[in-house]
Amino acid sequence: MVNNTKFVIRLKKIPEAILNMGNMERIRSLAPWFILTVGGIFILFMVVSDMNFSNLMNDRGNIGEISGDKVTVQEFETYYQDYLQQLKQSGQEPDMTNESMFREQAWERFVQGKIVEAAYKKYGITVSDDEVRNVILGDNPPEYLKSQFMDSSGVFKRAEYEAAIKDPRNKQNIVMVENAVRQQILGEKLQAIVGAGVVVTDADIRRKFVDQELKLSAEYALLDLNVYPDSTIKPSEDELKDYYSKNSYLYKQDASRKLKFVTLKIVPSAKDSNAVMTLLNNVVKKLKLIQ
């Protein structure tokens, strides 16, 4: 039996914090309540609907409502296929044995995109074709585009880059690049608007510093040892013994030996030298008599 339960996400008013999608870490620190609220919505959906996401796709009507706009199965299915294609182009080959996971990931991005689009309309944020063209063909194109046209020495091959952009065979890829750049500019404009209304207090900065940097808390007193000469400090015998027992390893010495000895030089005396000379002379005389 197929459960045809539908769910509806209604966001009457978009909190200012969620609009800064390009700086999520800052938003989480400033408005954690929003994350909890959105998380609660999805948990509530999972409990109430009592169905998995794949079964939801069997409903051929509207599958939800985001900021007052109805979402059809076909609309999300188109988005989902584009999402899979983006994964493949980025070098990731989706394992479709776990398709429900990819559908849920795509759905989360789809909802975020819808919320941000509503913010663009609310604040009248648009991006012209000239703005997109200036980014792509400007003096400093995005790094993810330049990286494809670098030589071995890291020099940007501008001529090849422009030739690839103008090549009709790359039309589909260029359209994707233009869409990515357009979304980037939209996000930067939205971030600028939201950032202008964000106030970071000293207390916020102090709390962030404590959370990231503070490792311990200690109370101490700085004393100048020169103010207290050794003669003024007279430890008791028990204190000395206690200190020694706890730090005896500092006074440990390896076993050693002491050796005393005398060296004498053995050299012939004048008497020894004369005796040897006399002996040699006698030998010489005997040799002469033999001859």
Protein backbone atom coordinates (compact mmCIF):
# COMPACT_ATOMS: atom_id res chain seq x y z
CA MET A 1 0.00 0.00 0.00
CA VAL A 2 1.45 3.38 -0.99
CA ASN A 3 1.23 6.13 1.58
CA ASN A 4 0.29 9.33 -0.29
CA THR A 5 0.80 11.62 2.69
CA LYS A 6 2.12 15.03 1.62
CA PHE A 7 4.05 17.53 3.65
CA VAL A 8 4.12 21.31 3.56
CA ILE A 9 6.93 23.62 4.61
CA ARG A 10 5.59 27.11 5.29
CA LEU A 11 8.00 29.90 6.16
CA LYS A 12 5.94 33.05 6.72
CA LYS A 13 8.98 35.19 7.36
CA ILE A 14 12.59 34.44 6.54
CA PRO A 15 14.88 35.30 9.47
CA GLU A 16 17.64 37.68 8.49
CA ALA A 17 20.30 35.30 9.75
CA ILE A 18 19.51 32.54 7.23
CA LEU A 19 19.99 34.91 4.31
CA ASN A 20 23.76 34.92 4.72
CA MET A 21 24.27 31.55 3.03
CA GLY A 22 27.85 32.43 2.08
CA ASN A 23 28.89 32.71 5.75
CA MET A 24 27.11 29.87 7.51
CA GLU A 25 29.54 29.64 10.39
CA ARG A 26 28.83 33.21 11.38
CA ILE A 27 25.09 32.68 11.07
CA ARG A 28 25.19 29.57 13.23
CA SER A 29 26.90 31.50 15.97
CA LEU A 30 24.45 34.41 15.74
CA ALA A 31 21.17 32.52 15.28
CA PRO A 32 21.35 28.87 16.44
CA TRP A 33 17.62 28.97 17.11
CA PHE A 34 16.94 29.04 13.39
CA ILE A 35 18.92 25.86 12.76
CA LEU A 36 17.01 24.11 15.55
CA THR A 37 13.71 25.33 14.10
CA VAL A 38 14.46 24.09 10.59
CA GLY A 39 15.78 20.80 11.99
CA GLY A 40 12.56 20.43 13.96
CA ILE A 41 10.49 20.94 10.81
CA PHE A 42 12.24 18.07 9.04
CA ILE A 43 12.05 15.79 12.08
CA LEU A 44 8.36 16.56 12.39
CA PHE A 45 7.90 15.75 8.71
CA MET A 46 9.60 12.38 9.11
CA VAL A 47 7.44 11.46 12.11
CA VAL A 48 4.08 12.68 10.76
CA SER A 49 4.40 11.42 7.22
CA ASP A 50 5.57 7.92 8.33
CA MET A 51 7.05 7.26 4.89
CA ASN A 52 10.41 7.34 3.15
CA PHE A 53 11.43 9.86 0.54
CA SER A 54 11.32 7.39 -2.35
CA ASN A 55 7.62 6.67 -1.73
CA LEU A 56 6.97 10.38 -1.78
CA MET A 57 8.14 10.50 -5.39
CA ASN A 58 5.28 8.21 -6.36
CA ASP A 59 2.83 11.06 -5.78
CA ARG A 60 2.38 12.77 -9.15
CA GLY A 61 0.87 15.95 -7.67
CA ASN A 62 2.37 18.66 -5.49
CA ILE A 63 4.83 17.35 -2.93
CA GLY A 64 5.16 20.46 -0.82
CA GLU A 65 5.00 24.20 -0.44
CA ILE A 66 7.98 26.45 0.27
CA SER A 67 7.45 30.12 1.07
CA GLY A 68 3.98 29.92 -0.50
CA ASP A 69 5.21 28.32 -3.75
CA LYS A 70 4.00 24.83 -4.53
CA VAL A 71 6.59 22.23 -5.52
CA THR A 72 5.63 19.59 -8.07
CA VAL A 73 7.17 16.17 -8.47
CA GLN A 74 8.35 17.04 -11.96
CA GLU A 75 10.05 20.23 -10.78
CA PHE A 76 12.03 18.41 -8.14
CA GLU A 77 12.76 15.47 -10.42
CA THR A 78 14.34 17.85 -12.95
CA TYR A 79 16.40 19.42 -10.18
CA TYR A 80 17.42 15.98 -8.93
CA GLN A 81 18.67 14.85 -12.33
CA ASP A 82 20.67 18.09 -12.69
CA TYR A 83 22.12 17.44 -9.21
CA LEU A 84 23.28 13.95 -10.24
CA GLN A 85 24.79 15.39 -13.41
CA GLN A 86 26.74 17.95 -11.37
CA LEU A 87 28.12 15.16 -9.17
CA LYS A 88 29.29 13.25 -12.25
CA GLN A 89 30.94 16.32 -13.76
CA SER A 90 32.79 16.94 -10.50
CA GLY A 91 34.29 13.46 -10.69
CA GLN A 92 31.86 11.72 -8.33
CA GLU A 93 29.96 8.73 -9.68
CA PRO A 94 26.78 8.38 -7.56
CA ASP A 95 26.13 4.87 -6.26
CA MET A 96 22.47 4.49 -7.09
CA THR A 97 22.08 1.52 -4.74
CA ASN A 98 21.62 4.23 -2.11
CA GLU A 99 19.45 6.53 -4.20
CA SER A 100 17.34 7.69 -1.25
CA MET A 101 20.41 9.36 0.27
CA PHE A 102 21.09 11.35 -2.91
CA ARG A 103 17.44 12.35 -3.16
CA GLU A 104 17.47 13.63 0.42
CA GLN A 105 20.69 15.58 -0.22
CA ALA A 106 19.20 17.09 -3.36
CA TRP A 107 15.98 17.94 -1.50
CA GLU A 108 17.86 19.82 1.22
CA ARG A 109 19.70 21.87 -1.41
CA PHE A 110 16.45 22.41 -3.29
CA VAL A 111 14.72 23.81 -0.18
CA GLN A 112 17.70 26.05 0.64
CA GLY A 113 17.71 27.33 -2.93
CA LYS A 114 14.01 28.15 -2.78
CA ILE A 115 14.43 30.05 0.48
CA VAL A 116 17.31 32.06 -0.93
CA GLU A 117 15.37 32.78 -4.14
CA ALA A 118 12.55 34.17 -2.01
CA ALA A 119 15.09 36.43 -0.32
CA TYR A 120 16.34 37.66 -3.70
CA LYS A 121 12.78 38.64 -4.62
CA LYS A 122 12.16 40.25 -1.24
CA TYR A 123 15.19 42.51 -1.50
CA GLY A 124 14.95 43.01 -5.27
CA ILE A 125 18.38 41.47 -5.91
CA THR A 126 19.16 40.77 -9.56
CA VAL A 127 22.24 40.12 -11.67
CA SER A 128 22.57 41.42 -15.21
CA ASP A 129 24.21 39.60 -18.10
CA ASP A 130 26.91 42.28 -18.16
CA GLU A 131 27.80 41.53 -14.53
CA VAL A 132 28.19 37.83 -15.36
CA ARG A 133 30.20 38.66 -18.48
CA ASN A 134 32.51 40.97 -16.54
CA VAL A 135 33.33 38.21 -14.08
CA ILE A 136 34.01 35.56 -16.71
CA LEU A 137 35.89 37.81 -19.13
CA GLY A 138 37.33 40.20 -16.56
CA ASP A 139 40.99 40.67 -15.72
CA ASN A 140 40.79 38.11 -12.95
CA PRO A 141 38.35 35.25 -13.70
CA PRO A 142 37.36 32.87 -10.88
CA GLU A 143 40.11 30.47 -9.80
CA TYR A 144 38.03 27.38 -10.62
CA LEU A 145 37.97 28.58 -14.25
CA LYS A 146 41.59 29.78 -14.45
CA SER A 147 42.93 26.54 -12.98
CA GLN A 148 41.98 24.70 -16.18
CA PHE A 149 44.21 26.98 -18.25
CA MET A 150 47.48 27.15 -16.31
CA ASP A 151 50.81 26.09 -17.79
CA SER A 152 53.46 24.16 -15.86
CA SER A 153 54.89 27.39 -14.43
CA GLY A 154 51.50 28.58 -13.14
CA VAL A 155 50.95 31.24 -15.83
CA PHE A 156 47.35 31.80 -16.93
CA LYS A 157 46.90 31.07 -20.66
CA ARG A 158 44.43 33.85 -21.40
CA ALA A 159 44.17 33.27 -25.16
CA GLU A 160 43.26 29.59 -24.75
CA TYR A 161 40.77 30.49 -22.04
CA GLU A 162 38.91 32.98 -24.24
CA ALA A 163 39.03 30.60 -27.22
CA ALA A 164 37.40 27.86 -25.14
CA ILE A 165 34.65 30.26 -24.02
CA LYS A 166 33.86 31.23 -27.62
CA ASP A 167 33.98 27.64 -28.93
CA PRO A 168 30.38 26.59 -29.85
CA ARG A 169 31.17 23.04 -28.73
CA ASN A 170 31.43 24.28 -25.14
CA LYS A 171 28.04 26.02 -25.15
CA GLN A 172 26.46 23.70 -22.60
CA ASN A 173 29.41 24.01 -20.22
CA ILE A 174 29.49 27.80 -20.59
CA VAL A 175 25.79 27.99 -19.71
CA MET A 176 26.53 26.05 -16.53
CA VAL A 177 29.44 28.38 -15.74
CA GLU A 178 27.26 31.44 -16.29
CA ASN A 179 24.61 30.05 -13.95
CA ALA A 180 27.25 29.34 -11.30
CA VAL A 181 28.69 32.85 -11.59
CA ARG A 182 25.21 34.36 -11.47
CA GLN A 183 24.44 32.49 -8.25
CA GLN A 184 27.78 33.58 -6.81
CA ILE A 185 27.07 37.26 -7.50
CA LEU A 186 23.53 36.94 -6.13
CA GLY A 187 24.93 35.40 -2.96
CA GLU A 188 27.53 38.17 -2.57
CA LYS A 189 24.87 40.86 -2.95
CA LEU A 190 22.58 39.15 -0.46
CA GLN A 191 25.45 38.72 1.96
CA ALA A 192 26.26 42.41 1.71
CA ILE A 193 22.68 43.36 2.54
CA VAL A 194 22.45 40.98 5.47
CA GLY A 195 25.94 41.85 6.69
CA ALA A 196 25.03 45.51 6.84
CA GLY A 197 22.34 44.71 9.38
CA VAL A 198 24.37 42.32 11.52
CA VAL A 199 25.75 43.78 14.74
CA VAL A 200 28.49 41.90 16.56
CA THR A 201 28.77 43.05 20.16
CA ASP A 202 31.83 42.92 22.41
CA ALA A 203 30.13 40.12 24.31
CA ASP A 204 29.79 38.10 21.08
CA ILE A 205 33.48 38.57 20.32
CA ARG A 206 34.51 37.66 23.86
CA ARG A 207 32.34 34.53 23.84
CA LYS A 208 33.77 33.44 20.48
CA PHE A 209 37.32 34.00 21.71
CA VAL A 210 36.68 32.02 24.88
CA ASP A 211 35.11 29.13 22.92
CA GLN A 212 38.02 28.91 20.47
CA GLU A 213 41.10 29.99 22.41
CA LEU A 214 40.65 29.59 26.17
CA LYS A 215 42.20 26.34 27.35
CA LEU A 216 42.27 26.84 31.14
CA SER A 217 41.40 29.31 33.84
CA ALA A 218 43.90 30.07 36.63
CA GLU A 219 44.56 32.57 39.41
CA TYR A 220 48.16 33.38 40.24
CA ALA A 221 50.44 35.97 41.86
CA LEU A 222 53.70 37.16 40.31
CA LEU A 223 56.51 37.43 42.88
CA ASP A 224 59.97 38.93 42.45
CA LEU A 225 62.40 36.48 44.08
CA ASN A 226 64.92 39.24 44.63
CA VAL A 227 62.57 40.75 47.20
CA TYR A 228 62.86 37.61 49.34
CA PRO A 229 66.56 36.61 49.85
CA ASP A 230 67.33 33.04 50.86
CA SER A 231 68.35 34.14 54.33
CA THR A 232 64.77 35.12 55.14
CA ILE A 233 63.41 31.67 54.25
CA LYS A 234 64.18 29.05 56.91
CA PRO A 235 62.54 25.70 56.18
CA SER A 236 62.19 23.22 59.02
CA GLU A 237 63.95 19.87 59.16
CA ASP A 238 60.70 18.07 58.36
CA GLU A 239 60.09 20.30 55.34
CA LEU A 240 63.57 19.54 54.02
CA LYS A 241 63.07 15.81 54.47
CA ASP A 242 59.66 15.94 52.82
CA TYR A 243 61.01 17.89 49.84
CA TYR A 244 63.95 15.47 49.49
CA SER A 245 61.72 12.40 49.59
CA LYS A 246 59.55 13.83 46.82
CA ASN A 247 62.48 15.01 44.68
CA SER A 248 65.20 12.50 45.49
CA TYR A 249 65.67 11.76 41.78
CA LEU A 250 67.15 15.24 41.40
CA TYR A 251 70.02 14.29 43.68
CA LYS A 252 70.74 10.84 42.33
CA GLN A 253 74.41 10.20 41.36
CA ASP A 254 75.84 7.27 39.48
CA ALA A 255 78.39 5.04 41.27
CA SER A 256 82.01 6.21 40.91
CA ARG A 257 85.56 5.12 41.94
CA LYS A 258 88.76 6.94 42.95
CA LEU A 259 92.22 5.65 41.82
CA LYS A 260 95.67 6.93 42.82
CA PHE A 261 98.78 5.95 40.83
CA VAL A 262 102.37 7.04 40.06
CA THR A 263 104.07 7.01 36.66
CA LEU A 264 107.84 6.59 36.27
CA LYS A 265 109.88 7.27 33.17
CA ILE A 266 112.40 4.52 32.33
CA VAL A 267 115.55 6.21 30.93
CA PRO A 268 119.21 5.02 31.07
CA SER A 269 121.62 6.69 33.49
CA ALA A 270 125.12 7.88 32.58
CA LYS A 271 126.57 4.75 34.24
CA ASP A 272 124.34 2.51 32.13
CA SER A 273 125.45 4.30 28.97
CA ASN A 274 129.19 3.92 29.85
CA ALA A 275 128.78 0.23 30.60
CA VAL A 276 127.14 -0.37 27.22
CA MET A 277 129.90 1.58 25.42
CA THR A 278 132.59 -0.44 27.21
CA LEU A 279 130.92 -3.70 26.19
CA LEU A 280 130.70 -2.63 22.58
CA ASN A 281 134.34 -1.55 22.49
CA ASN A 282 135.44 -4.94 23.84
CA VAL A 283 133.43 -6.67 21.13
CA VAL A 284 135.06 -4.55 18.46
CA LYS A 285 138.56 -5.37 19.75
CA LYS A 286 137.85 -9.11 19.68
CA LEU A 287 136.60 -8.89 16.08
CA LYS A 288 139.79 -7.17 15.03
CA LEU A 289 141.98 -9.87 16.65
CA ILE A 290 140.05 -12.55 14.77
CA GLN A 291 140.68 -10.85 11.44
